[in-house]
PDB file of N, CA and C in Angstrom:
ATOM      1  N   MET A   1      92.293  83.719 119.339  1.00  0.00           N
ATOM      2  CA  MET A   1      91.045  84.381 119.553  1.00  0.00           C
ATOM      3  C   MET A   1      90.027  83.812 118.583  1.00  0.00           C
ATOM      4  N   GLU A   2      88.826  83.657 119.038  1.00  0.00           N
ATOM      5  CA  GLU A   2      87.766  83.145 118.179  1.00  0.00           C
ATOM      6  C   GLU A   2      86.562  84.068 118.272  1.00  0.00           C
ATOM      7  N   TYR A   3      85.842  84.143 117.183  1.00  0.00           N
ATOM      8  CA  TYR A   3      84.668  84.997 117.101  1.00  0.00           C
ATOM      9  C   TYR A   3      83.500  84.132 116.666  1.00  0.00           C
ATOM     10  N   TYR A   4      82.406  84.171 117.416  1.00  0.00           N
ATOM     11  CA  TYR A   4      81.235  83.352 117.131  1.00  0.00           C
ATOM     12  C   TYR A   4      80.071  84.245 116.733  1.00  0.00           C
ATOM     13  N   PHE A   5      79.348  83.809 115.726  1.00  0.00           N
ATOM     14  CA  PHE A   5      78.209  84.590 115.268  1.00  0.00           C
ATOM     15  C   PHE A   5      77.215  83.679 114.561  1.00  0.00           C
ATOM     16  N   ASN A   6      76.034  84.188 114.326  1.00  0.00           N
ATOM     17  CA  ASN A   6      75.001  83.455 113.609  1.00  0.00           C
ATOM     18  C   ASN A   6      74.796  84.080 112.244  1.00  0.00           C
ATOM     19  N   SER A   7      74.442  83.239 111.292  1.00  0.00           N
ATOM     20  CA  SER A   7      74.171  83.734 109.953  1.00  0.00           C
ATOM     21  C   SER A   7      73.027  82.923 109.350  1.00  0.00           C
ATOM     22  N   PRO A   8      72.159  83.579 108.607  1.00  0.00           N
ATOM     23  CA  PRO A   8      71.093  82.846 107.937  1.00  0.00           C
ATOM     24  C   PRO A   8      71.592  82.096 106.695  1.00  0.00           C
ATOM     25  N   LEU A   9      72.830  82.364 106.285  1.00  0.00           N
ATOM     26  CA  LEU A   9      73.365  81.751 105.071  1.00  0.00           C
ATOM     27  C   LEU A   9      73.915  80.354 105.341  1.00  0.00           C
ATOM     28  N   GLU A  10      73.848  79.499 104.325  1.00  0.00           N
ATOM     29  CA  GLU A  10      74.526  78.212 104.387  1.00  0.00           C
ATOM     30  C   GLU A  10      76.025  78.478 104.320  1.00  0.00           C
ATOM     31  N   LEU A  11      76.815  77.544 104.838  1.00  0.00           N
ATOM     32  CA  LEU A  11      78.258  77.755 104.942  1.00  0.00           C
ATOM     33  C   LEU A  11      78.939  78.125 103.617  1.00  0.00           C
ATOM     34  N   PRO A  12      78.664  77.438 102.493  1.00  0.00           N
ATOM     35  CA  PRO A  12      79.325  77.831 101.239  1.00  0.00           C
ATOM     36  C   PRO A  12      79.000  79.270 100.815  1.00  0.00           C
ATOM     37  N   ALA A  13      77.751  79.674 100.981  1.00  0.00           N
ATOM     38  CA  ALA A  13      77.352  81.034 100.607  1.00  0.00           C
ATOM     39  C   ALA A  13      77.987  82.065 101.545  1.00  0.00           C
ATOM     40  N   LEU A  14      78.045  81.751 102.839  1.00  0.00           N
ATOM     41  CA  LEU A  14      78.667  82.652 103.802  1.00  0.00           C
ATOM     42  C   LEU A  14      80.166  82.790 103.528  1.00  0.00           C
ATOM     43  N   ALA A  15      80.827  81.675 103.232  1.00  0.00           N
ATOM     44  CA  ALA A  15      82.265  81.722 102.912  1.00  0.00           C
ATOM     45  C   ALA A  15      82.506  82.598 101.688  1.00  0.00           C
ATOM     46  N   ALA A  16      81.664  82.472 100.682  1.00  0.00           N
ATOM     47  CA  ALA A  16      81.806  83.288  99.474  1.00  0.00           C
ATOM     48  C   ALA A  16      81.582  84.771  99.784  1.00  0.00           C
ATOM     49  N   GLN A  17      80.581  85.060 100.605  1.00  0.00           N
ATOM     50  CA  GLN A  17      80.287  86.450 100.950  1.00  0.00           C
ATOM     51  C   GLN A  17      81.417  87.067 101.760  1.00  0.00           C
ATOM     52  N   LEU A  18      81.901  86.360 102.796  1.00  0.00           N
ATOM     53  CA  LEU A  18      83.003  86.891 103.598  1.00  0.00           C
ATOM     54  C   LEU A  18      84.277  87.035 102.774  1.00  0.00           C
ATOM     55  N   SER A  19      84.531  86.092 101.878  1.00  0.00           N
ATOM     56  CA  SER A  19      85.706  86.195 100.997  1.00  0.00           C
ATOM     57  C   SER A  19      85.642  87.466 100.169  1.00  0.00           C
ATOM     58  N   ALA A  20      84.469  87.753  99.622  1.00  0.00           N
ATOM     59  CA  ALA A  20      84.310  88.954  98.804  1.00  0.00           C
ATOM     60  C   ALA A  20      84.442  90.222  99.644  1.00  0.00           C
ATOM     61  N   GLU A  21      83.858  90.227 100.841  1.00  0.00           N
ATOM     62  CA  GLU A  21      83.878  91.423 101.683  1.00  0.00           C
ATOM     63  C   GLU A  21      85.260  91.690 102.278  1.00  0.00           C
ATOM     64  N   LEU A  22      85.981  90.628 102.645  1.00  0.00           N
ATOM     65  CA  LEU A  22      87.275  90.784 103.308  1.00  0.00           C
ATOM     66  C   LEU A  22      88.455  90.759 102.348  1.00  0.00           C
ATOM     67  N   GLY A  23      88.231  90.253 101.141  1.00  0.00           N
ATOM     68  CA  GLY A  23      89.327  90.137 100.188  1.00  0.00           C
ATOM     69  C   GLY A  23      90.191  88.917 100.427  1.00  0.00           C
ATOM     70  N   CYS A  24      89.615  87.887 101.052  1.00  0.00           N
ATOM     71  CA  CYS A  24      90.346  86.642 101.273  1.00  0.00           C
ATOM     72  C   CYS A  24      89.780  85.577 100.323  1.00  0.00           C
ATOM     73  N   ASP A  25      90.195  84.336 100.507  1.00  0.00           N
ATOM     74  CA  ASP A  25      89.754  83.261  99.614  1.00  0.00           C
ATOM     75  C   ASP A  25      89.432  82.016 100.436  1.00  0.00           C
ATOM     76  N   LEU A  26      88.340  82.062 101.199  1.00  0.00           N
ATOM     77  CA  LEU A  26      87.935  80.908 102.001  1.00  0.00           C
ATOM     78  C   LEU A  26      87.516  79.762 101.089  1.00  0.00           C
ATOM     79  N   ARG A  27      88.163  78.609 101.268  1.00  0.00           N
ATOM     80  CA  ARG A  27      87.862  77.414 100.476  1.00  0.00           C
ATOM     81  C   ARG A  27      87.749  76.223 101.409  1.00  0.00           C
ATOM     82  N   PRO A  28      87.051  75.166 100.975  1.00  0.00           N
ATOM     83  CA  PRO A  28      86.959  73.975 101.825  1.00  0.00           C
ATOM     84  C   PRO A  28      88.348  73.470 102.206  1.00  0.00           C
ATOM     85  N   TYR A  29      88.553  73.221 103.498  1.00  0.00           N
ATOM     86  CA  TYR A  29      89.837  72.747 104.004  1.00  0.00           C
ATOM     87  C   TYR A  29      89.980  71.262 103.708  1.00  0.00           C
ATOM     88  N   LYS A  30      90.981  70.916 102.916  1.00  0.00           N
ATOM     89  CA  LYS A  30      91.233  69.532 102.501  1.00  0.00           C
ATOM     90  C   LYS A  30      89.963  68.881 101.946  1.00  0.00           C
ATOM     91  N   GLY A  31      89.186  69.673 101.198  1.00  0.00           N
ATOM     92  CA  GLY A  31      87.980  69.164 100.554  1.00  0.00           C
ATOM     93  C   GLY A  31      86.779  69.017 101.466  1.00  0.00           C
ATOM     94  N   ASP A  32      86.885  69.422 102.741  1.00  0.00           N
ATOM     95  CA  ASP A  32      85.792  69.288 103.713  1.00  0.00           C
ATOM     96  C   ASP A  32      84.842  70.476 103.582  1.00  0.00           C
ATOM     97  N   GLU A  33      83.629  70.231 103.140  1.00  0.00           N
ATOM     98  CA  GLU A  33      82.637  71.292 102.929  1.00  0.00           C
ATOM     99  C   GLU A  33      82.078  71.849 104.249  1.00  0.00           C
ATOM    100  N   GLU A  34      82.499  71.296 105.388  1.00  0.00           N
ATOM    101  CA  GLU A  34      82.044  71.788 106.684  1.00  0.00           C
ATOM    102  C   GLU A  34      83.073  72.694 107.356  1.00  0.00           C
ATOM    103  N   GLU A  35      84.205  72.933 106.689  1.00  0.00           N
ATOM    104  CA  GLU A  35      85.213  73.840 107.225  1.00  0.00           C
ATOM    105  C   GLU A  35      85.891  74.565 106.069  1.00  0.00           C
ATOM    106  N   TYR A  36      85.884  75.879 106.151  1.00  0.00           N
ATOM    107  CA  TYR A  36      86.519  76.712 105.132  1.00  0.00           C
ATOM    108  C   TYR A  36      87.738  77.376 105.755  1.00  0.00           C
ATOM    109  N   TYR A  37      88.795  77.568 104.959  1.00  0.00           N
ATOM    110  CA  TYR A  37      90.076  78.018 105.500  1.00  0.00           C
ATOM    111  C   TYR A  37      90.802  78.906 104.496  1.00  0.00           C
ATOM    112  N   ASP A  38      91.596  79.844 105.043  1.00  0.00           N
ATOM    113  CA  ASP A  38      92.515  80.647 104.242  1.00  0.00           C
ATOM    114  C   ASP A  38      93.567  81.223 105.181  1.00  0.00           C
ATOM    115  N   ARG A  39      94.774  81.485 104.659  1.00  0.00           N
ATOM    116  CA  ARG A  39      95.768  82.281 105.372  1.00  0.00           C
ATOM    117  C   ARG A  39      95.448  83.719 104.976  1.00  0.00           C
ATOM    118  N   PHE A  40      95.195  84.554 105.955  1.00  0.00           N
ATOM    119  CA  PHE A  40      94.711  85.900 105.689  1.00  0.00           C
ATOM    120  C   PHE A  40      95.480  86.874 106.571  1.00  0.00           C
ATOM    121  N   VAL A  41      96.130  87.837 105.982  1.00  0.00           N
ATOM    122  CA  VAL A  41      97.003  88.810 106.642  1.00  0.00           C
ATOM    123  C   VAL A  41      97.873  88.143 107.711  1.00  0.00           C
ATOM    124  N   GLY A  42      98.467  87.016 107.340  1.00  0.00           N
ATOM    125  CA  GLY A  42      99.401  86.322 108.209  1.00  0.00           C
ATOM    126  C   GLY A  42      98.781  85.479 109.307  1.00  0.00           C
ATOM    127  N   MET A  43      97.469  85.339 109.318  1.00  0.00           N
ATOM    128  CA  MET A  43      96.795  84.554 110.347  1.00  0.00           C
ATOM    129  C   MET A  43      95.980  83.439 109.717  1.00  0.00           C
ATOM    130  N   GLU A  44      95.739  82.397 110.501  1.00  0.00           N
ATOM    131  CA  GLU A  44      94.806  81.371 110.061  1.00  0.00           C
ATOM    132  C   GLU A  44      93.396  81.939 110.165  1.00  0.00           C
ATOM    133  N   PHE A  45      92.611  81.721 109.160  1.00  0.00           N
ATOM    134  CA  PHE A  45      91.232  82.189 109.138  1.00  0.00           C
ATOM    135  C   PHE A  45      90.383  80.994 108.743  1.00  0.00           C
ATOM    136  N   SER A  46      89.624  80.472 109.696  1.00  0.00           N
ATOM    137  CA  SER A  46      88.771  79.337 109.376  1.00  0.00           C
ATOM    138  C   SER A  46      87.330  79.659 109.730  1.00  0.00           C
ATOM    139  N   LEU A  47      86.432  79.068 109.005  1.00  0.00           N
ATOM    140  CA  LEU A  47      85.005  79.291 109.167  1.00  0.00           C
ATOM    141  C   LEU A  47      84.345  77.929 109.183  1.00  0.00           C
ATOM    142  N   GLU A  48      83.622  77.634 110.262  1.00  0.00           N
ATOM    143  CA  GLU A  48      82.994  76.331 110.368  1.00  0.00           C
ATOM    144  C   GLU A  48      81.822  76.380 111.334  1.00  0.00           C
ATOM    145  N   PRO A  49      80.854  75.496 111.152  1.00  0.00           N
ATOM    146  CA  PRO A  49      79.758  75.403 112.133  1.00  0.00           C
ATOM    147  C   PRO A  49      80.271  74.702 113.382  1.00  0.00           C
ATOM    148  N   ASN A  50      79.602  74.898 114.498  1.00  0.00           N
ATOM    149  CA  ASN A  50      79.941  74.146 115.702  1.00  0.00           C
ATOM    150  C   ASN A  50      78.665  73.709 116.391  1.00  0.00           C
ATOM    151  N   ASP A  51      78.816  72.978 117.472  1.00  0.00           N
ATOM    152  CA  ASP A  51      77.639  72.427 118.151  1.00  0.00           C
ATOM    153  C   ASP A  51      77.495  72.946 119.577  1.00  0.00           C
ATOM    154  N   PHE A  52      77.887  74.207 119.805  1.00  0.00           N
ATOM    155  CA  PHE A  52      77.726  74.777 121.135  1.00  0.00           C
ATOM    156  C   PHE A  52      76.250  74.859 121.491  1.00  0.00           C
ATOM    157  N   GLU A  53      75.970  74.762 122.782  1.00  0.00           N
ATOM    158  CA  GLU A  53      74.599  74.933 123.249  1.00  0.00           C
ATOM    159  C   GLU A  53      74.172  76.374 123.003  1.00  0.00           C
ATOM    160  N   ASN A  54      72.953  76.534 122.567  1.00  0.00           N
ATOM    161  CA  ASN A  54      72.417  77.872 122.384  1.00  0.00           C
ATOM    162  C   ASN A  54      70.933  77.841 122.683  1.00  0.00           C
ATOM    163  N   ASP A  55      70.182  78.758 122.157  1.00  0.00           N
ATOM    164  CA  ASP A  55      68.760  78.814 122.481  1.00  0.00           C
ATOM    165  C   ASP A  55      67.936  77.796 121.704  1.00  0.00           C
ATOM    166  N   GLY A  56      68.588  76.904 120.972  1.00  0.00           N
ATOM    167  CA  GLY A  56      67.874  75.869 120.250  1.00  0.00           C
ATOM    168  C   GLY A  56      67.402  76.282 118.875  1.00  0.00           C
ATOM    169  N   GLU A  57      67.526  77.557 118.562  1.00  0.00           N
ATOM    170  CA  GLU A  57      67.059  78.035 117.269  1.00  0.00           C
ATOM    171  C   GLU A  57      68.179  78.522 116.368  1.00  0.00           C
ATOM    172  N   LEU A  58      69.347  78.776 116.930  1.00  0.00           N
ATOM    173  CA  LEU A  58      70.430  79.362 116.161  1.00  0.00           C
ATOM    174  C   LEU A  58      71.561  78.374 115.976  1.00  0.00           C
ATOM    175  N   SER A  59      72.262  78.484 114.870  1.00  0.00           N
ATOM    176  CA  SER A  59      73.409  77.630 114.576  1.00  0.00           C
ATOM    177  C   SER A  59      74.661  78.491 114.597  1.00  0.00           C
ATOM    178  N   TRP A  60      75.442  78.391 115.673  1.00  0.00           N
ATOM    179  CA  TRP A  60      76.623  79.235 115.818  1.00  0.00           C
ATOM    180  C   TRP A  60      77.689  78.849 114.813  1.00  0.00           C
ATOM    181  N   LEU A  61      78.367  79.838 114.305  1.00  0.00           N
ATOM    182  CA  LEU A  61      79.509  79.636 113.417  1.00  0.00           C
ATOM    183  C   LEU A  61      80.748  80.168 114.094  1.00  0.00           C
ATOM    184  N   ARG A  62      81.887  79.601 113.745  1.00  0.00           N
ATOM    185  CA  ARG A  62      83.144  80.050 114.337  1.00  0.00           C
ATOM    186  C   ARG A  62      83.985  80.706 113.254  1.00  0.00           C
ATOM    187  N   CYS A  63      84.494  81.855 113.566  1.00  0.00           N
ATOM    188  CA  CYS A  63      85.343  82.592 112.639  1.00  0.00           C
ATOM    189  C   CYS A  63      86.627  82.927 113.379  1.00  0.00           C
ATOM    190  N   CYS A  64      87.741  82.324 112.988  1.00  0.00           N
ATOM    191  CA  CYS A  64      89.009  82.509 113.711  1.00  0.00           C
ATOM    192  C   CYS A  64      89.913  83.488 112.991  1.00  0.00           C
ATOM    193  N   ALA A  65      89.787  84.720 113.303  1.00  0.00           N
ATOM    194  CA  ALA A  65      90.702  85.766 112.834  1.00  0.00           C
ATOM    195  C   ALA A  65      90.153  87.080 113.353  1.00  0.00           C
ATOM    196  N   SER A  66      90.924  87.737 114.185  1.00  0.00           N
ATOM    197  CA  SER A  66      90.425  88.966 114.786  1.00  0.00           C
ATOM    198  C   SER A  66      90.154  90.043 113.749  1.00  0.00           C
ATOM    199  N   CYS A  67      90.869  90.023 112.627  1.00  0.00           N
ATOM    200  CA  CYS A  67      90.662  91.049 111.598  1.00  0.00           C
ATOM    201  C   CYS A  67      89.304  90.909 110.928  1.00  0.00           C
ATOM    202  N   ALA A  68      88.693  89.759 111.011  1.00  0.00           N
ATOM    203  CA  ALA A  68      87.379  89.553 110.397  1.00  0.00           C
ATOM    204  C   ALA A  68      86.244  89.993 111.304  1.00  0.00           C
ATOM    205  N   CYS A  69      86.554  90.306 112.544  1.00  0.00           N
ATOM    206  CA  CYS A  69      85.506  90.655 113.505  1.00  0.00           C
ATOM    207  C   CYS A  69      84.712  91.885 113.097  1.00  0.00           C
ATOM    208  N   CYS A  70      85.381  92.895 112.590  1.00  0.00           N
ATOM    209  CA  CYS A  70      84.674  94.131 112.231  1.00  0.00           C
ATOM    210  C   CYS A  70      83.572  93.866 111.229  1.00  0.00           C
ATOM    211  N   THR A  71      83.877  93.116 110.183  1.00  0.00           N
ATOM    212  CA  THR A  71      82.869  92.837 109.162  1.00  0.00           C
ATOM    213  C   THR A  71      81.736  92.000 109.711  1.00  0.00           C
ATOM    214  N   THR A  72      82.066  90.923 110.416  1.00  0.00           N
ATOM    215  CA  THR A  72      81.021  90.039 110.906  1.00  0.00           C
ATOM    216  C   THR A  72      80.212  90.681 112.019  1.00  0.00           C
ATOM    217  N   ALA A  73      80.853  91.452 112.895  1.00  0.00           N
ATOM    218  CA  ALA A  73      80.131  92.096 113.992  1.00  0.00           C
ATOM    219  C   ALA A  73      79.099  93.082 113.476  1.00  0.00           C
ATOM    220  N   SER A  74      79.464  93.860 112.468  1.00  0.00           N
ATOM    221  CA  SER A  74      78.528  94.857 111.968  1.00  0.00           C
ATOM    222  C   SER A  74      77.381  94.220 111.200  1.00  0.00           C
ATOM    223  N   LYS A  75      77.597  93.028 110.654  1.00  0.00           N
ATOM    224  CA  LYS A  75      76.575  92.395 109.835  1.00  0.00           C
ATOM    225  C   LYS A  75      75.721  91.390 110.608  1.00  0.00           C
ATOM    226  N   TYR A  76      76.358  90.610 111.499  1.00  0.00           N
ATOM    227  CA  TYR A  76      75.662  89.511 112.163  1.00  0.00           C
ATOM    228  C   TYR A  76      75.576  89.656 113.681  1.00  0.00           C
ATOM    229  N   GLY A  77      76.395  90.518 114.289  1.00  0.00           N
ATOM    230  CA  GLY A  77      76.509  90.508 115.741  1.00  0.00           C
ATOM    231  C   GLY A  77      77.295  89.274 116.145  1.00  0.00           C
ATOM    232  N   GLY A  78      77.556  89.097 117.425  1.00  0.00           N
ATOM    233  CA  GLY A  78      78.247  87.902 117.881  1.00  0.00           C
ATOM    234  C   GLY A  78      79.081  88.149 119.119  1.00  0.00           C
ATOM    235  N   ILE A  79      79.890  87.139 119.483  1.00  0.00           N
ATOM    236  CA  ILE A  79      80.728  87.250 120.663  1.00  0.00           C
ATOM    237  C   ILE A  79      82.177  86.961 120.310  1.00  0.00           C
ATOM    238  N   LEU A  80      83.088  87.641 120.985  1.00  0.00           N
ATOM    239  CA  LEU A  80      84.516  87.410 120.843  1.00  0.00           C
ATOM    240  C   LEU A  80      84.976  86.760 122.133  1.00  0.00           C
ATOM    241  N   VAL A  81      85.618  85.582 122.021  1.00  0.00           N
ATOM    242  CA  VAL A  81      86.041  84.841 123.208  1.00  0.00           C
ATOM    243  C   VAL A  81      87.525  84.501 123.135  1.00  0.00           C
ATOM    244  N   HIS A  82      88.102  84.238 124.311  1.00  0.00           N
ATOM    245  CA  HIS A  82      89.493  83.803 124.420  1.00  0.00           C
ATOM    246  C   HIS A  82      89.487  82.427 125.080  1.00  0.00           C
ATOM    247  N   ASP A  83      90.139  81.454 124.456  1.00  0.00           N
ATOM    248  CA  ASP A  83      90.237  80.092 124.978  1.00  0.00           C
ATOM    249  C   ASP A  83      88.878  79.476 125.325  1.00  0.00           C
ATOM    250  N   LEU A  84      87.867  79.817 124.587  1.00  0.00           N
ATOM    251  CA  LEU A  84      86.512  79.275 124.714  1.00  0.00           C
ATOM    252  C   LEU A  84      85.811  79.572 126.031  1.00  0.00           C
ATOM    253  N   ASP A  85      86.475  80.165 127.013  1.00  0.00           N
ATOM    254  CA  ASP A  85      85.797  80.357 128.294  1.00  0.00           C
ATOM    255  C   ASP A  85      85.853  81.781 128.842  1.00  0.00           C
ATOM    256  N   VAL A  86      86.509  82.687 128.135  1.00  0.00           N
ATOM    257  CA  VAL A  86      86.569  84.078 128.596  1.00  0.00           C
ATOM    258  C   VAL A  86      85.872  84.953 127.557  1.00  0.00           C
ATOM    259  N   LEU A  87      84.729  85.495 127.943  1.00  0.00           N
ATOM    260  CA  LEU A  87      83.992  86.386 127.050  1.00  0.00           C
ATOM    261  C   LEU A  87      84.687  87.736 127.026  1.00  0.00           C
ATOM    262  N   LEU A  88      85.138  88.145 125.841  1.00  0.00           N
ATOM    263  CA  LEU A  88      85.840  89.422 125.700  1.00  0.00           C
ATOM    264  C   LEU A  88      84.908  90.545 125.267  1.00  0.00           C
ATOM    265  N   ALA A  89      83.973  90.236 124.364  1.00  0.00           N
ATOM    266  CA  ALA A  89      83.072  91.269 123.853  1.00  0.00           C
ATOM    267  C   ALA A  89      81.814  90.621 123.299  1.00  0.00           C
ATOM    268  N   ARG A  90      80.731  91.384 123.315  1.00  0.00           N
ATOM    269  CA  ARG A  90      79.459  90.957 122.707  1.00  0.00           C
ATOM    270  C   ARG A  90      78.974  92.107 121.831  1.00  0.00           C
ATOM    271  N   TYR A  91      78.758  91.810 120.559  1.00  0.00           N
ATOM    272  CA  TYR A  91      78.352  92.834 119.597  1.00  0.00           C
ATOM    273  C   TYR A  91      76.936  92.560 119.114  1.00  0.00           C
ATOM    274  N   GLU A  92      76.153  93.610 119.003  1.00  0.00           N
ATOM    275  CA  GLU A  92      74.811  93.524 118.438  1.00  0.00           C
ATOM    276  C   GLU A  92      74.839  94.176 117.064  1.00  0.00           C
ATOM    277  N   ALA A  93      74.345  93.465 116.056  1.00  0.00           N
ATOM    278  CA  ALA A  93      74.282  94.041 114.705  1.00  0.00           C
ATOM    279  C   ALA A  93      73.245  95.151 114.713  1.00  0.00           C
ATOM    280  N   PRO A  94      73.368  96.199 113.996  1.00  0.00           N
ATOM    281  CA  PRO A  94      74.387  96.495 112.999  1.00  0.00           C
ATOM    282  C   PRO A  94      75.437  97.471 113.501  1.00  0.00           C
ATOM    283  N   THR A  95      75.708  97.531 114.804  1.00  0.00           N
ATOM    284  CA  THR A  95      76.686  98.491 115.326  1.00  0.00           C
ATOM    285  C   THR A  95      78.036  97.834 115.572  1.00  0.00           C
ATOM    286  N   PHE A  96      79.016  98.637 115.871  1.00  0.00           N
ATOM    287  CA  PHE A  96      80.345  98.162 116.245  1.00  0.00           C
ATOM    288  C   PHE A  96      80.557  98.291 117.756  1.00  0.00           C
ATOM    289  N   VAL A  97      79.486  98.405 118.533  1.00  0.00           N
ATOM    290  CA  VAL A  97      79.583  98.654 119.964  1.00  0.00           C
ATOM    291  C   VAL A  97      79.587  97.336 120.739  1.00  0.00           C
ATOM    292  N   ASP A  98      80.548  97.215 121.664  1.00  0.00           N
ATOM    293  CA  ASP A  98      80.617  96.077 122.583  1.00  0.00           C
ATOM    294  C   ASP A  98      79.636  96.358 123.716  1.00  0.00           C
ATOM    295  N   THR A  99      78.609  95.527 123.854  1.00  0.00           N
ATOM    296  CA  THR A  99      77.595  95.773 124.880  1.00  0.00           C
ATOM    297  C   THR A  99      78.105  95.498 126.292  1.00  0.00           C
ATOM    298  N   LEU A 100      79.229  94.799 126.442  1.00  0.00           N
ATOM    299  CA  LEU A 100      79.794  94.552 127.777  1.00  0.00           C
ATOM    300  C   LEU A 100      80.490  95.791 128.324  1.00  0.00           C
ATOM    301  N   SER A 101      81.231  96.482 127.469  1.00  0.00           N
ATOM    302  CA  SER A 101      82.021  97.626 127.936  1.00  0.00           C
ATOM    303  C   SER A 101      81.477  98.976 127.487  1.00  0.00           C
ATOM    304  N   GLY A 102      80.657  98.957 126.445  1.00  0.00           N
ATOM    305  CA  GLY A 102      80.178 100.220 125.888  1.00  0.00           C
ATOM    306  C   GLY A 102      81.168 100.867 124.942  1.00  0.00           C
ATOM    307  N   THR A 103      82.329 100.235 124.763  1.00  0.00           N
ATOM    308  CA  THR A 103      83.314 100.783 123.831  1.00  0.00           C
ATOM    309  C   THR A 103      82.967 100.335 122.415  1.00  0.00           C
ATOM    310  N   SER A 104      83.545 101.024 121.453  1.00  0.00           N
ATOM    311  CA  SER A 104      83.211 100.779 120.050  1.00  0.00           C
ATOM    312  C   SER A 104      84.457 100.492 119.235  1.00  0.00           C
ATOM    313  N   MET A 105      84.295  99.681 118.190  1.00  0.00           N
ATOM    314  CA  MET A 105      85.402  99.445 117.266  1.00  0.00           C
ATOM    315  C   MET A 105      85.728 100.701 116.475  1.00  0.00           C
ATOM    316  N   ASP A 106      84.838 101.702 116.509  1.00  0.00           N
ATOM    317  CA  ASP A 106      85.135 102.977 115.851  1.00  0.00           C
ATOM    318  C   ASP A 106      86.321 103.665 116.525  1.00  0.00           C
ATOM    319  N   ASP A 107      86.471 103.452 117.846  1.00  0.00           N
ATOM    320  CA  ASP A 107      87.659 103.924 118.578  1.00  0.00           C
ATOM    321  C   ASP A 107      88.443 102.670 118.936  1.00  0.00           C
ATOM    322  N   PHE A 108      89.097 102.099 117.934  1.00  0.00           N
ATOM    323  CA  PHE A 108      89.694 100.777 118.068  1.00  0.00           C
ATOM    324  C   PHE A 108      90.754 100.704 119.164  1.00  0.00           C
ATOM    325  N   ALA A 109      91.546 101.747 119.347  1.00  0.00           N
ATOM    326  CA  ALA A 109      92.591 101.723 120.378  1.00  0.00           C
ATOM    327  C   ALA A 109      91.981 101.550 121.771  1.00  0.00           C
ATOM    328  N   ALA A 110      90.956 102.315 122.082  1.00  0.00           N
ATOM    329  CA  ALA A 110      90.292 102.195 123.388  1.00  0.00           C
ATOM    330  C   ALA A 110      89.608 100.839 123.521  1.00  0.00           C
ATOM    331  N   HIS A 111      88.978 100.399 122.458  1.00  0.00           N
ATOM    332  CA  HIS A 111      88.292  99.109 122.472  1.00  0.00           C
ATOM    333  C   HIS A 111      89.293  97.974 122.689  1.00  0.00           C
ATOM    334  N   LEU A 112      90.417  98.017 122.002  1.00  0.00           N
ATOM    335  CA  LEU A 112      91.448  96.994 122.141  1.00  0.00           C
ATOM    336  C   LEU A 112      92.023  96.975 123.554  1.00  0.00           C
ATOM    337  N   THR A 113      92.158  98.128 124.177  1.00  0.00           N
ATOM    338  CA  THR A 113      92.635  98.210 125.557  1.00  0.00           C
ATOM    339  C   THR A 113      91.687  97.469 126.504  1.00  0.00           C
ATOM    340  N   VAL A 114      90.398  97.666 126.322  1.00  0.00           N
ATOM    341  CA  VAL A 114      89.394  96.977 127.156  1.00  0.00           C
ATOM    342  C   VAL A 114      89.460  95.465 126.917  1.00  0.00           C
ATOM    343  N   LEU A 115      89.528  95.055 125.648  1.00  0.00           N
ATOM    344  CA  LEU A 115      89.587  93.627 125.332  1.00  0.00           C
ATOM    345  C   LEU A 115      90.831  92.977 125.922  1.00  0.00           C
ATOM    346  N   THR A 116      91.968  93.640 125.773  1.00  0.00           N
ATOM    347  CA  THR A 116      93.231  93.105 126.276  1.00  0.00           C
ATOM    348  C   THR A 116      93.195  92.944 127.786  1.00  0.00           C
ATOM    349  N   ALA A 117      92.553  93.859 128.493  1.00  0.00           N
ATOM    350  CA  ALA A 117      92.463  93.786 129.944  1.00  0.00           C
ATOM    351  C   ALA A 117      91.648  92.576 130.417  1.00  0.00           C
ATOM    352  N   ARG A 118      90.773  92.062 129.572  1.00  0.00           N
ATOM    353  CA  ARG A 118      89.949  90.904 129.939  1.00  0.00           C
ATOM    354  C   ARG A 118      90.661  89.572 129.752  1.00  0.00           C
ATOM    355  N   ILE A 119      91.766  89.568 129.014  1.00  0.00           N
ATOM    356  CA  ILE A 119      92.487  88.319 128.756  1.00  0.00           C
ATOM    357  C   ILE A 119      93.301  87.966 129.993  1.00  0.00           C
ATOM    358  N   PRO A 120      93.087  86.761 130.545  1.00  0.00           N
ATOM    359  CA  PRO A 120      93.826  86.374 131.756  1.00  0.00           C
ATOM    360  C   PRO A 120      95.312  86.185 131.501  1.00  0.00           C
TER     361      PRO A 120
END
């Protein structure tokens, strides 16, 4: 699962902020300042810019770890996708509400049921 969002911060500052908020330790992967990585609660967690098409004004970032979605969704908004082509949820900051289903991460069990049903 991948989570995409926009941030006004440069990648090193964003990695430091997410590390502090989540309690992980995002560091440059093999010295690459364009990709930050950590093993976090048993999952790979990487943070990097990408070059997806967008409205021409925003720079999408990729955050790979479903446990990080709550923090990033409430702060930045974004989309949760499966295999890059199945949109699972769209979040608008500063809420935890999925605008596709109307469900909220506040009721995580119901929200997870909706997300799981969208996975092919």
